[in-house]
Amino acid sequence: MLVFGQFNAENVSLSEWASNEAALYVGTVGKITYRAGRADWTVLSGDDGKGHDFYIKVVRNRDAFVIFQIQYPAQKAGTFRPVVQRLAKCFAVAAPPL
């Protein structure tokens, strides 16, 4: 699990950033199975085609992105999905970055 922030130095759109990040997980054999978003957030999830599922939530806050990513074994999805859902609901940006 990774939680981090990143300034949008290249001024890319939120959906473009998330798609580029998901491409690192998907590679050439995986796929995105879920995509949702609004103006200030986006979520992508899927599988890497090698036995792992992933979930990425990105929140835009001014000129920065705040990111939550998790990857877990697909065979343990029944265990991890409720945890991911709970963490995703808790993941919010309370104040602008400094």
Protein backbone atom coordinates (compact mmCIF):
# COMPACT_ATOMS: atom_id res chain seq x y z
CA MET A 1 0.00 0.00 0.00
CA LEU A 2 1.26 3.46 -0.92
CA VAL A 3 -0.12 6.82 0.19
CA PHE A 4 1.68 9.90 -1.08
CA GLY A 5 1.37 13.34 -2.61
CA GLN A 6 2.85 14.68 -5.80
CA PHE A 7 2.93 18.16 -7.27
CA ASN A 8 1.48 18.37 -10.77
CA ALA A 9 4.64 19.91 -12.22
CA GLU A 10 3.77 18.77 -15.77
CA ASN A 11 0.23 20.18 -15.48
CA VAL A 12 -1.47 16.96 -16.65
CA SER A 13 -5.15 16.30 -16.15
CA LEU A 14 -6.28 14.16 -13.25
CA SER A 15 -7.57 11.40 -15.53
CA GLU A 16 -4.37 11.44 -17.60
CA TRP A 17 -2.22 11.10 -14.48
CA ALA A 18 -4.34 8.22 -13.15
CA SER A 19 -4.33 6.42 -16.50
CA ASN A 20 -0.55 6.74 -16.76
CA GLU A 21 -0.15 5.36 -13.24
CA ALA A 22 -2.56 2.48 -13.91
CA ALA A 23 -0.55 1.59 -17.03
CA LEU A 24 2.36 0.76 -14.71
CA TYR A 25 0.17 -1.83 -12.97
CA VAL A 26 -1.56 -3.13 -16.09
CA GLY A 27 1.50 -3.54 -18.30
CA THR A 28 0.82 -5.50 -21.47
CA VAL A 29 -1.32 -8.30 -20.00
CA GLY A 30 -3.53 -6.69 -17.33
CA LYS A 31 -6.71 -4.65 -17.58
CA ILE A 32 -8.65 -1.89 -15.89
CA THR A 33 -11.96 -3.31 -14.71
CA TYR A 34 -13.42 -0.26 -12.95
CA ARG A 35 -13.15 3.48 -13.51
CA ALA A 36 -15.04 6.31 -11.81
CA GLY A 37 -14.43 9.95 -11.08
CA ARG A 38 -15.47 13.56 -10.77
CA ALA A 39 -13.68 16.85 -11.35
CA ASP A 40 -11.47 16.51 -8.27
CA TRP A 41 -10.98 12.72 -7.89
CA THR A 42 -10.70 9.52 -9.88
CA VAL A 43 -10.58 5.82 -9.07
CA LEU A 44 -9.19 2.99 -11.17
CA SER A 45 -8.96 -0.69 -10.35
CA GLY A 46 -8.16 -3.86 -12.19
CA ASP A 47 -5.70 -6.69 -12.47
CA ASP A 48 -2.11 -6.86 -13.61
CA GLY A 49 -2.61 -10.09 -15.55
CA LYS A 50 -0.07 -11.78 -13.30
CA GLY A 51 -2.25 -12.69 -10.33
CA HIS A 52 -2.57 -9.32 -8.57
CA ASP A 53 -5.43 -6.83 -8.30
CA PHE A 54 -4.89 -3.11 -7.76
CA TYR A 55 -6.85 -0.05 -6.65
CA ILE A 56 -5.81 3.57 -7.23
CA LYS A 57 -7.60 6.64 -5.88
CA VAL A 58 -6.30 10.09 -6.80
CA VAL A 59 -7.61 13.36 -5.35
CA ARG A 60 -6.64 16.67 -6.94
CA ASN A 61 -5.95 19.47 -4.51
CA ARG A 62 -4.96 22.67 -6.29
CA ASP A 63 -1.68 21.93 -8.10
CA ALA A 64 -1.04 18.57 -6.42
CA PHE A 65 -2.34 15.03 -6.47
CA VAL A 66 -2.87 13.00 -3.30
CA ILE A 67 -2.71 9.30 -4.07
CA PHE A 68 -3.74 6.02 -2.44
CA GLN A 69 -2.65 2.80 -4.17
CA ILE A 70 -2.85 -0.79 -3.08
CA GLN A 71 -1.97 -4.04 -4.80
CA TYR A 72 -2.82 -7.49 -3.47
CA PRO A 73 -2.97 -11.14 -4.60
CA ALA A 74 -6.09 -11.76 -6.70
CA GLN A 75 -6.64 -15.07 -4.92
CA LYS A 76 -7.13 -13.12 -1.66
CA ALA A 77 -9.58 -10.58 -3.13
CA GLY A 78 -12.33 -11.70 -0.75
CA THR A 79 -10.14 -10.68 2.17
CA PHE A 80 -8.71 -7.48 0.70
CA ARG A 81 -11.73 -5.90 -1.03
CA PRO A 82 -13.56 -4.97 2.21
CA VAL A 83 -10.31 -3.49 3.57
CA VAL A 84 -9.75 -1.49 0.37
CA GLN A 85 -13.34 -0.24 0.41
CA ARG A 86 -13.01 0.92 4.01
CA LEU A 87 -9.66 2.63 3.40
CA ALA A 88 -10.96 4.31 0.24
CA LYS A 89 -13.91 5.81 2.13
CA CYS A 90 -11.53 7.20 4.75
CA PHE A 91 -9.10 8.63 2.19
CA ALA A 92 -9.82 12.35 1.85
CA VAL A 93 -7.87 15.56 1.64
CA ALA A 94 -8.72 17.82 4.57
CA ALA A 95 -6.58 20.86 3.75
CA PRO A 96 -4.64 22.24 0.79
CA PRO A 97 -1.00 21.14 0.59
CA LEU A 98 1.59 23.57 1.90
